[in-house]
Amino acid sequence: MKDTHADANFPRTAEGRVYHLGVRTGEVANRIITVGPPSRARSLATLLSVEPPPFVLESERGFLTITGLYDGIPISIVAAGMGASNVDFFVREARECITGDMVIVRLGSCGGLLESLPVGSIVVPRASVSVTRNCDFDFADQQASDQDAYRVSKPVLADAQLHDAILSTLMTSQSTRPNTQVRGDVVNASADSFYSSQGRQTSFPDHNSGLLDNLLRQVDGLASLEMETFHIFHLAASWSRNSSSCPEAPSPVEAAGSLVPPVHHLPVAPSVTAAHRKSTHTEHRHATDSQIRAASVQMIFAARLSQDFITPDHVGEMESWTGKAVLQALTKFDIEPLKLHPEEGSVWELK
């Protein structure tokens, strides 16, 4: 099934569903944990309250959104896949479905870059840099290029209060796991490839054999390498509702009735669990001066220097206790009442 969309600039269906996530206003909470694989999202969702039944939506584009209550606080868990492009879909489309502040914690795996942080360690980076493949470099003929093969951005900071709250809760949980290290005084690097810009060797001429050593020399405090955190931090830092350059988004009803020619046959048609109603919200307005606050919790699954890799049993145990700690920290993290999405008509409304 395909839906008709209005407005090719930001496509929505007639009932207000966004293009890739498939959600609408009232189906995503202000507090969000985003993960990569759907299996991790479903595992975390087992910790949510059974009443009201968690709202579950799978989009045709592969995104999974689960929204429910934890200790009485609305929480969304979004499986967004891998890489900056996917988290860009997630942050931008979720932002257009939420009134008020967004508080986002990325919970994912990473590669460790320090011998002092073995497989099984947890890092909560205070900042992240972007590592990208330089498309102007001549990878076929290195001698013909006078540029570096990879570019490293300036760092962008995590939200300091959210970072500290997450770190504090993890450190408390760590007391029962004395062999697990938790570090928050570190920097992350997010790459645009799992292979070339993370220094992995394949049959392609990537000219990256010294990349990890170069990164460790260039970036003070660098400890982890993955693919998503920088883009989330960057979008959060870029967001501002104080500027007149950020126009108020039209409501789905306004967009559907606009004069912009509709875009047909776009794959949104989401699969919504039968156990829960959809939201009844039809309009969306950002709260004045709303914020996006972001932090990241990274589980070291691979030690890039020693080539050690985590075992499947250890993965399940790590995901369980770190996920619970992140849920606890998020529910306790304060959002002003006026910056919360209205409960009435939402999928987390208690009746």
C-alpha atoms as a PDB file:
ATOM      1  CA  MET A   1       0.000   0.000   0.000  1.00  0.00           C
ATOM      2  CA  LYS A   2       1.243   3.475  -0.892  1.00  0.00           C
ATOM      3  CA  ASP A   3       0.077   6.785   0.491  1.00  0.00           C
ATOM      4  CA  THR A   4      -0.384  10.152  -1.173  1.00  0.00           C
ATOM      5  CA  HIS A   5       1.846  12.874   0.232  1.00  0.00           C
ATOM      6  CA  ALA A   6       1.551  16.633   0.316  1.00  0.00           C
ATOM      7  CA  ASP A   7       4.637  18.877   0.127  1.00  0.00           C
ATOM      8  CA  ALA A   8       7.708  17.417  -1.554  1.00  0.00           C
ATOM      9  CA  ASN A   9       9.911  19.512   0.760  1.00  0.00           C
ATOM     10  CA  PHE A  10       8.848  17.565   3.866  1.00  0.00           C
ATOM     11  CA  PRO A  11       6.505  14.751   2.793  1.00  0.00           C
ATOM     12  CA  ARG A  12       3.645  13.739   5.078  1.00  0.00           C
ATOM     13  CA  THR A  13       0.598  11.599   4.471  1.00  0.00           C
ATOM     14  CA  ALA A  14      -2.892  13.065   4.784  1.00  0.00           C
ATOM     15  CA  GLU A  15      -2.994  11.863   8.410  1.00  0.00           C
ATOM     16  CA  GLY A  16       0.341  13.483   9.181  1.00  0.00           C
ATOM     17  CA  ARG A  17       2.751  10.543   8.993  1.00  0.00           C
ATOM     18  CA  VAL A  18       6.348  11.371   8.104  1.00  0.00           C
ATOM     19  CA  TYR A  19       8.047   9.705   5.180  1.00  0.00           C
ATOM     20  CA  HIS A  20      10.710   7.415   6.661  1.00  0.00           C
ATOM     21  CA  LEU A  21       9.807   6.835  10.320  1.00  0.00           C
ATOM     22  CA  GLY A  22       6.089   6.558   9.533  1.00  0.00           C
ATOM     23  CA  VAL A  23       5.093   8.177  12.841  1.00  0.00           C
ATOM     24  CA  ARG A  24       2.821  11.138  13.468  1.00  0.00           C
ATOM     25  CA  THR A  25       2.462  13.702  16.238  1.00  0.00           C
ATOM     26  CA  GLY A  26       1.662  12.043  19.569  1.00  0.00           C
ATOM     27  CA  GLU A  27       3.496   8.795  18.813  1.00  0.00           C
ATOM     28  CA  VAL A  28       7.027   9.858  19.801  1.00  0.00           C
ATOM     29  CA  ALA A  29       7.805  10.991  23.358  1.00  0.00           C
ATOM     30  CA  ASN A  30      10.123  13.836  24.387  1.00  0.00           C
ATOM     31  CA  ARG A  31      12.610  11.380  25.900  1.00  0.00           C
ATOM     32  CA  ILE A  32      14.117   8.999  23.333  1.00  0.00           C
ATOM     33  CA  ILE A  33      16.634   6.183  23.295  1.00  0.00           C
ATOM     34  CA  THR A  34      17.866   5.481  19.788  1.00  0.00           C
ATOM     35  CA  VAL A  35      19.592   2.214  18.928  1.00  0.00           C
ATOM     36  CA  GLY A  36      20.764   0.516  15.759  1.00  0.00           C
ATOM     37  CA  PRO A  37      19.149  -2.924  15.417  1.00  0.00           C
ATOM     38  CA  PRO A  38      15.433  -3.592  15.967  1.00  0.00           C
ATOM     39  CA  SER A  39      16.341  -6.534  18.206  1.00  0.00           C
ATOM     40  CA  ARG A  40      17.981  -4.142  20.699  1.00  0.00           C
ATOM     41  CA  ALA A  41      14.918  -1.886  20.632  1.00  0.00           C
ATOM     42  CA  ARG A  42      12.583  -4.820  21.289  1.00  0.00           C
ATOM     43  CA  SER A  43      14.799  -6.062  24.128  1.00  0.00           C
ATOM     44  CA  LEU A  44      14.764  -2.626  25.793  1.00  0.00           C
ATOM     45  CA  ALA A  45      11.014  -2.384  25.307  1.00  0.00           C
ATOM     46  CA  THR A  46      10.471  -5.400  27.582  1.00  0.00           C
ATOM     47  CA  LEU A  47      11.346  -3.045  30.468  1.00  0.00           C
ATOM     48  CA  LEU A  48       8.438  -0.692  29.669  1.00  0.00           C
ATOM     49  CA  SER A  49       5.139  -0.822  31.551  1.00  0.00           C
ATOM     50  CA  VAL A  50       2.475  -3.136  30.199  1.00  0.00           C
ATOM     51  CA  GLU A  51      -0.244  -0.496  30.716  1.00  0.00           C
ATOM     52  CA  PRO A  52      -0.897   1.215  28.488  1.00  0.00           C
ATOM     53  CA  PRO A  53       0.479  -1.377  26.049  1.00  0.00           C
ATOM     54  CA  PRO A  54       3.559   0.021  24.306  1.00  0.00           C
ATOM     55  CA  PHE A  55       2.830   1.530  20.905  1.00  0.00           C
ATOM     56  CA  VAL A  56       4.848  -0.272  18.205  1.00  0.00           C
ATOM     57  CA  LEU A  57       5.263   0.982  14.640  1.00  0.00           C
ATOM     58  CA  GLU A  58       7.422  -0.532  11.908  1.00  0.00           C
ATOM     59  CA  SER A  59       7.878   1.616   8.817  1.00  0.00           C
ATOM     60  CA  GLU A  60       8.476   0.370   5.304  1.00  0.00           C
ATOM     61  CA  ARG A  61      11.851   2.089   5.412  1.00  0.00           C
ATOM     62  CA  GLY A  62      13.050  -0.192   8.216  1.00  0.00           C
ATOM     63  CA  PHE A  63      12.619   2.117  11.226  1.00  0.00           C
ATOM     64  CA  LEU A  64      11.047   0.743  14.402  1.00  0.00           C
ATOM     65  CA  THR A  65       9.451   3.044  16.985  1.00  0.00           C
ATOM     66  CA  ILE A  66       8.246   1.770  20.367  1.00  0.00           C
ATOM     67  CA  THR A  67       6.641   4.239  22.788  1.00  0.00           C
ATOM     68  CA  GLY A  68       5.457   3.469  26.301  1.00  0.00           C
ATOM     69  CA  LEU A  69       5.925   4.318  29.956  1.00  0.00           C
ATOM     70  CA  TYR A  70       8.856   3.611  32.268  1.00  0.00           C
ATOM     71  CA  ASP A  71       8.195   4.472  35.917  1.00  0.00           C
ATOM     72  CA  GLY A  72       5.239   6.480  34.671  1.00  0.00           C
ATOM     73  CA  ILE A  73       7.329   8.606  32.268  1.00  0.00           C
ATOM     74  CA  PRO A  74       6.769   8.477  28.478  1.00  0.00           C
ATOM     75  CA  ILE A  75       9.773   7.022  26.625  1.00  0.00           C
ATOM     76  CA  SER A  76      10.303   6.228  22.962  1.00  0.00           C
ATOM     77  CA  ILE A  77      12.798   3.657  21.709  1.00  0.00           C
ATOM     78  CA  VAL A  78      13.720   4.084  18.048  1.00  0.00           C
ATOM     79  CA  ALA A  79      15.766   1.618  16.012  1.00  0.00           C
ATOM     80  CA  ALA A  80      17.372   3.800  13.340  1.00  0.00           C
ATOM     81  CA  GLY A  81      19.918   1.474  11.776  1.00  0.00           C
ATOM     82  CA  MET A  82      23.471   2.559  11.029  1.00  0.00           C
ATOM     83  CA  GLY A  83      25.177   5.722   9.888  1.00  0.00           C
ATOM     84  CA  ALA A  84      24.647   9.469   9.738  1.00  0.00           C
ATOM     85  CA  SER A  85      22.024   9.314   6.980  1.00  0.00           C
ATOM     86  CA  ASN A  86      19.719   7.120   9.035  1.00  0.00           C
ATOM     87  CA  VAL A  87      20.041   9.143  12.229  1.00  0.00           C
ATOM     88  CA  ASP A  88      19.415  12.268  10.160  1.00  0.00           C
ATOM     89  CA  PHE A  89      16.046  10.803   9.118  1.00  0.00           C
ATOM     90  CA  PHE A  90      15.352   9.925  12.744  1.00  0.00           C
ATOM     91  CA  VAL A  91      16.244  13.262  14.367  1.00  0.00           C
ATOM     92  CA  ARG A  92      14.632  15.504  11.745  1.00  0.00           C
ATOM     93  CA  GLU A  93      11.404  13.531  11.375  1.00  0.00           C
ATOM     94  CA  ALA A  94      10.964  12.887  15.096  1.00  0.00           C
ATOM     95  CA  ARG A  95      11.572  16.604  15.744  1.00  0.00           C
ATOM     96  CA  GLU A  96       8.616  17.432  13.485  1.00  0.00           C
ATOM     97  CA  CYS A  97       6.370  15.094  15.505  1.00  0.00           C
ATOM     98  CA  ILE A  98       7.222  16.402  18.989  1.00  0.00           C
ATOM     99  CA  THR A  99       6.060  19.515  20.781  1.00  0.00           C
ATOM    100  CA  GLY A 100       8.668  20.808  23.219  1.00  0.00           C
ATOM    101  CA  ASP A 101      12.120  19.543  24.066  1.00  0.00           C
ATOM    102  CA  MET A 102      13.800  16.422  22.729  1.00  0.00           C
ATOM    103  CA  VAL A 103      16.185  14.498  24.962  1.00  0.00           C
ATOM    104  CA  ILE A 104      18.051  11.865  22.954  1.00  0.00           C
ATOM    105  CA  VAL A 105      20.441   9.170  24.139  1.00  0.00           C
ATOM    106  CA  ARG A 106      22.180   7.066  21.547  1.00  0.00           C
ATOM    107  CA  LEU A 107      22.801   3.546  22.918  1.00  0.00           C
ATOM    108  CA  GLY A 108      25.033   1.535  20.621  1.00  0.00           C
ATOM    109  CA  SER A 109      28.176  -0.452  20.095  1.00  0.00           C
ATOM    110  CA  CYS A 110      31.578   0.932  19.182  1.00  0.00           C
ATOM    111  CA  GLY A 111      35.187   0.039  18.613  1.00  0.00           C
ATOM    112  CA  GLY A 112      37.590   0.861  21.435  1.00  0.00           C
ATOM    113  CA  LEU A 113      40.839   2.679  20.657  1.00  0.00           C
ATOM    114  CA  LEU A 114      42.591   2.527  24.035  1.00  0.00           C
ATOM    115  CA  GLU A 115      44.308  -0.477  25.598  1.00  0.00           C
ATOM    116  CA  SER A 116      43.010   0.731  28.957  1.00  0.00           C
ATOM    117  CA  LEU A 117      39.421   0.188  27.760  1.00  0.00           C
ATOM    118  CA  PRO A 118      39.017  -3.496  26.884  1.00  0.00           C
ATOM    119  CA  VAL A 119      36.025  -5.168  25.288  1.00  0.00           C
ATOM    120  CA  GLY A 120      33.045  -4.866  27.623  1.00  0.00           C
ATOM    121  CA  SER A 121      33.842  -1.311  28.738  1.00  0.00           C
ATOM    122  CA  ILE A 122      31.322   1.544  28.533  1.00  0.00           C
ATOM    123  CA  VAL A 123      32.128   5.043  27.297  1.00  0.00           C
ATOM    124  CA  VAL A 124      29.944   8.141  27.582  1.00  0.00           C
ATOM    125  CA  PRO A 125      31.795  10.601  25.336  1.00  0.00           C
ATOM    126  CA  ARG A 126      31.820  14.284  26.255  1.00  0.00           C
ATOM    127  CA  ALA A 127      32.345  15.186  22.587  1.00  0.00           C
ATOM    128  CA  SER A 128      32.549  13.690  19.118  1.00  0.00           C
ATOM    129  CA  VAL A 129      34.429  14.390  15.887  1.00  0.00           C
ATOM    130  CA  SER A 130      33.494  13.367  12.367  1.00  0.00           C
ATOM    131  CA  VAL A 131      35.841  11.314  10.181  1.00  0.00           C
ATOM    132  CA  THR A 132      34.961  11.358   6.491  1.00  0.00           C
ATOM    133  CA  ARG A 133      36.436   9.977   3.308  1.00  0.00           C
ATOM    134  CA  ASN A 134      37.782  12.841   1.188  1.00  0.00           C
ATOM    135  CA  CYS A 135      36.146  12.391  -2.202  1.00  0.00           C
ATOM    136  CA  ASP A 136      38.595  14.897  -3.724  1.00  0.00           C
ATOM    137  CA  PHE A 137      41.510  12.588  -2.918  1.00  0.00           C
ATOM    138  CA  ASP A 138      42.562  10.396  -5.849  1.00  0.00           C
ATOM    139  CA  PHE A 139      42.233   6.935  -4.321  1.00  0.00           C
ATOM    140  CA  ALA A 140      43.147   5.275  -7.623  1.00  0.00           C
ATOM    141  CA  ASP A 141      46.400   7.214  -7.914  1.00  0.00           C
ATOM    142  CA  GLN A 142      47.706   8.485  -4.593  1.00  0.00           C
ATOM    143  CA  GLN A 143      50.653  10.228  -6.253  1.00  0.00           C
ATOM    144  CA  ALA A 144      48.250  12.422  -8.218  1.00  0.00           C
ATOM    145  CA  SER A 145      46.647  13.872  -5.080  1.00  0.00           C
ATOM    146  CA  ASP A 146      48.026  16.602  -2.840  1.00  0.00           C
ATOM    147  CA  GLN A 147      45.252  16.179  -0.228  1.00  0.00           C
ATOM    148  CA  ASP A 148      44.709  13.929   2.767  1.00  0.00           C
ATOM    149  CA  ALA A 149      42.559  10.887   2.156  1.00  0.00           C
ATOM    150  CA  TYR A 150      40.442  11.526   5.274  1.00  0.00           C
ATOM    151  CA  ARG A 151      39.082  14.641   6.950  1.00  0.00           C
ATOM    152  CA  VAL A 152      38.559  15.164  10.670  1.00  0.00           C
ATOM    153  CA  SER A 153      36.099  17.791  11.918  1.00  0.00           C
ATOM    154  CA  LYS A 154      36.207  19.998  14.949  1.00  0.00           C
ATOM    155  CA  PRO A 155      34.577  18.373  18.010  1.00  0.00           C
ATOM    156  CA  VAL A 156      30.940  18.959  18.921  1.00  0.00           C
ATOM    157  CA  LEU A 157      29.918  18.590  22.563  1.00  0.00           C
ATOM    158  CA  ALA A 158      27.344  16.356  24.175  1.00  0.00           C
ATOM    159  CA  ASP A 159      24.783  18.112  26.368  1.00  0.00           C
ATOM    160  CA  ALA A 160      26.754  18.501  29.598  1.00  0.00           C
ATOM    161  CA  GLN A 161      23.859  17.957  32.021  1.00  0.00           C
ATOM    162  CA  LEU A 162      22.539  14.921  30.172  1.00  0.00           C
ATOM    163  CA  HIS A 163      26.055  13.488  29.827  1.00  0.00           C
ATOM    164  CA  ASP A 164      26.642  13.828  33.576  1.00  0.00           C
ATOM    165  CA  ALA A 165      23.243  12.366  34.483  1.00  0.00           C
ATOM    166  CA  ILE A 166      23.769   9.319  32.272  1.00  0.00           C
ATOM    167  CA  LEU A 167      27.333   8.838  33.505  1.00  0.00           C
ATOM    168  CA  SER A 168      26.286   9.090  37.163  1.00  0.00           C
ATOM    169  CA  THR A 169      23.591   6.441  36.762  1.00  0.00           C
ATOM    170  CA  LEU A 170      25.962   4.105  34.922  1.00  0.00           C
ATOM    171  CA  MET A 171      28.632   4.566  37.586  1.00  0.00           C
ATOM    172  CA  THR A 172      26.080   3.653  40.271  1.00  0.00           C
ATOM    173  CA  SER A 173      25.051   0.562  38.310  1.00  0.00           C
ATOM    174  CA  GLN A 174      28.714  -0.315  37.809  1.00  0.00           C
ATOM    175  CA  SER A 175      29.151  -0.900  41.539  1.00  0.00           C
ATOM    176  CA  THR A 176      27.699  -4.387  41.069  1.00  0.00           C
ATOM    177  CA  ARG A 177      30.031  -5.030  38.121  1.00  0.00           C
ATOM    178  CA  PRO A 178      33.535  -4.255  39.404  1.00  0.00           C
ATOM    179  CA  ASN A 179      35.198  -5.647  36.256  1.00  0.00           C
ATOM    180  CA  THR A 180      33.361  -3.258  33.946  1.00  0.00           C
ATOM    181  CA  GLN A 181      34.960   0.088  33.235  1.00  0.00           C
ATOM    182  CA  VAL A 182      32.820   3.180  32.669  1.00  0.00           C
ATOM    183  CA  ARG A 183      34.480   6.343  31.333  1.00  0.00           C
ATOM    184  CA  GLY A 184      33.022   9.753  30.619  1.00  0.00           C
ATOM    185  CA  ASP A 185      36.136  11.887  30.112  1.00  0.00           C
ATOM    186  CA  VAL A 186      36.640  10.713  26.535  1.00  0.00           C
ATOM    187  CA  VAL A 187      35.982  11.749  22.935  1.00  0.00           C
ATOM    188  CA  ASN A 188      34.282   9.730  20.208  1.00  0.00           C
ATOM    189  CA  ALA A 189      34.909   9.670  16.462  1.00  0.00           C
ATOM    190  CA  SER A 190      32.013   8.970  14.101  1.00  0.00           C
ATOM    191  CA  ALA A 191      33.010   7.694  10.669  1.00  0.00           C
ATOM    192  CA  ASP A 192      31.097   7.758   7.411  1.00  0.00           C
ATOM    193  CA  SER A 193      32.026   4.139   6.686  1.00  0.00           C
ATOM    194  CA  PHE A 194      32.351   0.957   8.698  1.00  0.00           C
ATOM    195  CA  TYR A 195      35.421   0.132   6.635  1.00  0.00           C
ATOM    196  CA  SER A 196      37.580   2.813   5.002  1.00  0.00           C
ATOM    197  CA  SER A 197      37.185   5.725   7.418  1.00  0.00           C
ATOM    198  CA  GLN A 198      37.502   3.397  10.404  1.00  0.00           C
ATOM    199  CA  GLY A 199      40.851   2.091   9.231  1.00  0.00           C
ATOM    200  CA  ARG A 200      39.694  -1.401   8.314  1.00  0.00           C
ATOM    201  CA  GLN A 201      41.575  -3.113   5.520  1.00  0.00           C
ATOM    202  CA  THR A 202      39.686  -4.491   2.513  1.00  0.00           C
ATOM    203  CA  SER A 203      40.603  -5.115  -1.126  1.00  0.00           C
ATOM    204  CA  PHE A 204      39.768  -1.489  -1.990  1.00  0.00           C
ATOM    205  CA  PRO A 205      42.652   1.014  -2.237  1.00  0.00           C
ATOM    206  CA  ASP A 206      41.509   3.055   0.769  1.00  0.00           C
ATOM    207  CA  HIS A 207      44.917   4.435   1.804  1.00  0.00           C
ATOM    208  CA  ASN A 208      43.951   4.111   5.462  1.00  0.00           C
ATOM    209  CA  SER A 209      46.676   1.912   6.952  1.00  0.00           C
ATOM    210  CA  GLY A 210      47.817   4.678   9.297  1.00  0.00           C
ATOM    211  CA  LEU A 211      44.431   6.247   9.918  1.00  0.00           C
ATOM    212  CA  LEU A 212      43.890   5.063  13.508  1.00  0.00           C
ATOM    213  CA  ASP A 213      47.349   6.219  14.587  1.00  0.00           C
ATOM    214  CA  ASN A 214      46.727   9.607  12.949  1.00  0.00           C
ATOM    215  CA  LEU A 215      43.373   9.976  14.705  1.00  0.00           C
ATOM    216  CA  LEU A 216      44.867   9.186  18.092  1.00  0.00           C
ATOM    217  CA  ARG A 217      47.537  11.829  17.505  1.00  0.00           C
ATOM    218  CA  GLN A 218      45.098  14.479  16.254  1.00  0.00           C
ATOM    219  CA  VAL A 219      42.196  14.086  18.690  1.00  0.00           C
ATOM    220  CA  ASP A 220      42.909  14.503  22.405  1.00  0.00           C
ATOM    221  CA  GLY A 221      41.093  11.965  24.548  1.00  0.00           C
ATOM    222  CA  LEU A 222      39.903   9.852  21.617  1.00  0.00           C
ATOM    223  CA  ALA A 223      38.607   6.514  22.884  1.00  0.00           C
ATOM    224  CA  SER A 224      35.893   5.153  20.568  1.00  0.00           C
ATOM    225  CA  LEU A 225      34.912   4.840  16.947  1.00  0.00           C
ATOM    226  CA  GLU A 226      31.439   4.322  15.471  1.00  0.00           C
ATOM    227  CA  MET A 227      29.089   5.914  12.910  1.00  0.00           C
ATOM    228  CA  GLU A 228      26.237   7.902  14.473  1.00  0.00           C
ATOM    229  CA  THR A 229      27.059  10.008  17.535  1.00  0.00           C
ATOM    230  CA  PHE A 230      28.632  13.028  15.822  1.00  0.00           C
ATOM    231  CA  HIS A 231      25.633  13.648  13.589  1.00  0.00           C
ATOM    232  CA  ILE A 232      23.184  13.476  16.496  1.00  0.00           C
ATOM    233  CA  PHE A 233      25.334  15.869  18.546  1.00  0.00           C
ATOM    234  CA  HIS A 234      25.707  18.196  15.561  1.00  0.00           C
ATOM    235  CA  LEU A 235      21.971  18.379  14.841  1.00  0.00           C
ATOM    236  CA  ALA A 236      21.239  18.933  18.531  1.00  0.00           C
ATOM    237  CA  ALA A 237      23.784  21.751  18.723  1.00  0.00           C
ATOM    238  CA  SER A 238      22.438  23.294  15.510  1.00  0.00           C
ATOM    239  CA  TRP A 239      18.802  23.369  16.629  1.00  0.00           C
ATOM    240  CA  SER A 240      17.341  26.659  17.778  1.00  0.00           C
ATOM    241  CA  ARG A 241      13.795  27.855  18.100  1.00  0.00           C
ATOM    242  CA  ASN A 242      15.024  31.322  19.069  1.00  0.00           C
ATOM    243  CA  SER A 243      15.850  32.252  15.489  1.00  0.00           C
ATOM    244  CA  SER A 244      13.365  33.614  13.001  1.00  0.00           C
ATOM    245  CA  SER A 245      15.206  31.517  10.426  1.00  0.00           C
ATOM    246  CA  CYS A 246      13.468  28.441  11.897  1.00  0.00           C
ATOM    247  CA  PRO A 247       9.891  28.769  10.567  1.00  0.00           C
ATOM    248  CA  GLU A 248       6.990  27.169  12.364  1.00  0.00           C
ATOM    249  CA  ALA A 249       6.211  23.843  10.760  1.00  0.00           C
ATOM    250  CA  PRO A 250       2.741  23.661   9.223  1.00  0.00           C
ATOM    251  CA  SER A 251       0.298  21.229  10.738  1.00  0.00           C
ATOM    252  CA  PRO A 252      -0.409  18.035   8.763  1.00  0.00           C
ATOM    253  CA  VAL A 253      -3.865  19.398   7.975  1.00  0.00           C
ATOM    254  CA  GLU A 254      -2.399  22.642   6.611  1.00  0.00           C
ATOM    255  CA  ALA A 255       0.216  20.756   4.603  1.00  0.00           C
ATOM    256  CA  ALA A 256      -2.326  18.372   3.117  1.00  0.00           C
ATOM    257  CA  GLY A 257      -4.486  21.293   2.049  1.00  0.00           C
ATOM    258  CA  SER A 258      -1.696  23.384   0.582  1.00  0.00           C
ATOM    259  CA  LEU A 259      -1.304  24.213  -3.076  1.00  0.00           C
ATOM    260  CA  VAL A 260       1.904  22.193  -3.358  1.00  0.00           C
ATOM    261  CA  PRO A 261       1.288  19.327  -5.800  1.00  0.00           C
ATOM    262  CA  PRO A 262       1.011  16.018  -3.920  1.00  0.00           C
ATOM    263  CA  VAL A 263       3.760  13.434  -4.244  1.00  0.00           C
ATOM    264  CA  HIS A 264       2.293  10.024  -5.014  1.00  0.00           C
ATOM    265  CA  HIS A 265       3.407   6.465  -4.349  1.00  0.00           C
ATOM    266  CA  LEU A 266       5.878   7.031  -1.553  1.00  0.00           C
ATOM    267  CA  PRO A 267       6.406   4.070   0.782  1.00  0.00           C
ATOM    268  CA  VAL A 268       5.174   5.062   4.227  1.00  0.00           C
ATOM    269  CA  ALA A 269       2.278   2.685   5.051  1.00  0.00           C
ATOM    270  CA  PRO A 270       3.453   1.682   8.536  1.00  0.00           C
ATOM    271  CA  SER A 271       2.652  -1.487  10.421  1.00  0.00           C
ATOM    272  CA  VAL A 272       1.147  -0.480  13.770  1.00  0.00           C
ATOM    273  CA  THR A 273       0.651  -3.039  16.518  1.00  0.00           C
ATOM    274  CA  ALA A 274      -2.978  -3.974  17.035  1.00  0.00           C
ATOM    275  CA  ALA A 275      -2.523  -3.853  20.815  1.00  0.00           C
ATOM    276  CA  HIS A 276      -2.502  -0.067  20.936  1.00  0.00           C
ATOM    277  CA  ARG A 277      -4.420   2.811  19.437  1.00  0.00           C
ATOM    278  CA  LYS A 278      -2.829   5.413  17.189  1.00  0.00           C
ATOM    279  CA  SER A 279      -2.502   8.997  18.363  1.00  0.00           C
ATOM    280  CA  THR A 280      -5.389  11.362  17.695  1.00  0.00           C
ATOM    281  CA  HIS A 281      -3.171  14.430  17.295  1.00  0.00           C
ATOM    282  CA  THR A 282      -3.646  16.307  14.031  1.00  0.00           C
ATOM    283  CA  GLU A 283      -1.594  19.433  14.667  1.00  0.00           C
ATOM    284  CA  HIS A 284       1.972  20.087  15.692  1.00  0.00           C
ATOM    285  CA  ARG A 285       3.653  23.166  17.101  1.00  0.00           C
ATOM    286  CA  HIS A 286       7.157  23.450  18.541  1.00  0.00           C
ATOM    287  CA  ALA A 287       7.257  24.894  22.039  1.00  0.00           C
ATOM    288  CA  THR A 288       8.885  28.300  22.243  1.00  0.00           C
ATOM    289  CA  ASP A 289      12.648  28.010  22.779  1.00  0.00           C
ATOM    290  CA  SER A 290      12.587  24.211  22.599  1.00  0.00           C
ATOM    291  CA  GLN A 291      15.859  22.321  22.865  1.00  0.00           C
ATOM    292  CA  ILE A 292      17.408  19.138  21.560  1.00  0.00           C
ATOM    293  CA  ARG A 293      19.705  17.671  24.195  1.00  0.00           C
ATOM    294  CA  ALA A 294      21.843  14.694  23.241  1.00  0.00           C
ATOM    295  CA  ALA A 295      24.254  12.221  24.798  1.00  0.00           C
ATOM    296  CA  SER A 296      25.677   8.859  23.801  1.00  0.00           C
ATOM    297  CA  VAL A 297      26.371   5.598  25.609  1.00  0.00           C
ATOM    298  CA  GLN A 298      28.720   3.284  23.752  1.00  0.00           C
ATOM    299  CA  MET A 299      29.435  -0.356  24.518  1.00  0.00           C
ATOM    300  CA  ILE A 300      32.865  -1.466  23.364  1.00  0.00           C
ATOM    301  CA  PHE A 301      32.282  -4.621  21.328  1.00  0.00           C
ATOM    302  CA  ALA A 302      35.619  -4.577  19.494  1.00  0.00           C
ATOM    303  CA  ALA A 303      39.089  -3.571  20.665  1.00  0.00           C
ATOM    304  CA  ARG A 304      40.575  -2.149  17.489  1.00  0.00           C
ATOM    305  CA  LEU A 305      44.201  -2.286  18.625  1.00  0.00           C
ATOM    306  CA  SER A 306      44.193  -5.869  19.959  1.00  0.00           C
ATOM    307  CA  GLN A 307      41.465  -7.123  17.566  1.00  0.00           C
ATOM    308  CA  ASP A 308      39.549  -8.692  20.493  1.00  0.00           C
ATOM    309  CA  PHE A 309      35.800  -9.062  19.944  1.00  0.00           C
ATOM    310  CA  ILE A 310      32.969  -9.500  22.409  1.00  0.00           C
ATOM    311  CA  THR A 311      31.112 -12.809  22.850  1.00  0.00           C
ATOM    312  CA  PRO A 312      27.362 -13.087  22.159  1.00  0.00           C
ATOM    313  CA  ASP A 313      26.583 -13.874  25.823  1.00  0.00           C
ATOM    314  CA  HIS A 314      28.467 -10.781  26.954  1.00  0.00           C
ATOM    315  CA  VAL A 315      26.531  -8.637  24.440  1.00  0.00           C
ATOM    316  CA  GLY A 316      23.174  -9.601  25.950  1.00  0.00           C
ATOM    317  CA  GLU A 317      24.344  -8.923  29.498  1.00  0.00           C
ATOM    318  CA  MET A 318      25.792  -5.511  28.569  1.00  0.00           C
ATOM    319  CA  GLU A 319      22.710  -4.417  26.655  1.00  0.00           C
ATOM    320  CA  SER A 320      20.483  -5.385  29.572  1.00  0.00           C
ATOM    321  CA  TRP A 321      22.162  -3.414  32.357  1.00  0.00           C
ATOM    322  CA  THR A 322      23.230  -0.412  30.271  1.00  0.00           C
ATOM    323  CA  GLY A 323      19.744  -0.160  28.762  1.00  0.00           C
ATOM    324  CA  LYS A 324      18.130  -0.221  32.182  1.00  0.00           C
ATOM    325  CA  ALA A 325      20.542   2.438  33.472  1.00  0.00           C
ATOM    326  CA  VAL A 326      19.813   4.701  30.505  1.00  0.00           C
ATOM    327  CA  LEU A 327      16.061   4.307  31.029  1.00  0.00           C
ATOM    328  CA  GLN A 328      16.457   5.218  34.702  1.00  0.00           C
ATOM    329  CA  ALA A 329      18.559   8.274  33.900  1.00  0.00           C
ATOM    330  CA  LEU A 330      16.207   9.487  31.169  1.00  0.00           C
ATOM    331  CA  THR A 331      13.087   9.223  33.314  1.00  0.00           C
ATOM    332  CA  LYS A 332      14.766  11.258  36.065  1.00  0.00           C
ATOM    333  CA  PHE A 333      16.096  13.896  33.664  1.00  0.00           C
ATOM    334  CA  ASP A 334      14.036  17.027  34.124  1.00  0.00           C
ATOM    335  CA  ILE A 335      12.037  18.648  31.328  1.00  0.00           C
ATOM    336  CA  GLU A 336       9.984  21.737  32.121  1.00  0.00           C
ATOM    337  CA  PRO A 337       6.251  20.942  32.085  1.00  0.00           C
ATOM    338  CA  LEU A 338       5.633  23.553  29.374  1.00  0.00           C
ATOM    339  CA  LYS A 339       8.250  21.826  27.194  1.00  0.00           C
ATOM    340  CA  LEU A 340       6.518  18.430  27.301  1.00  0.00           C
ATOM    341  CA  HIS A 341       4.358  17.072  24.514  1.00  0.00           C
ATOM    342  CA  PRO A 342       0.639  17.056  25.472  1.00  0.00           C
ATOM    343  CA  GLU A 343      -0.501  13.738  26.929  1.00  0.00           C
ATOM    344  CA  GLU A 344      -4.095  14.000  25.786  1.00  0.00           C
ATOM    345  CA  GLY A 345      -4.592  12.110  22.544  1.00  0.00           C
ATOM    346  CA  SER A 346      -1.071  10.620  22.622  1.00  0.00           C
ATOM    347  CA  VAL A 347      -0.286   6.915  22.551  1.00  0.00           C
ATOM    348  CA  TRP A 348       1.004   7.108  26.147  1.00  0.00           C
ATOM    349  CA  GLU A 349      -2.185   8.656  27.557  1.00  0.00           C
ATOM    350  CA  LEU A 350      -3.605   6.783  30.524  1.00  0.00           C
ATOM    351  CA  LYS A 351      -7.383   6.391  30.412  1.00  0.00           C
END
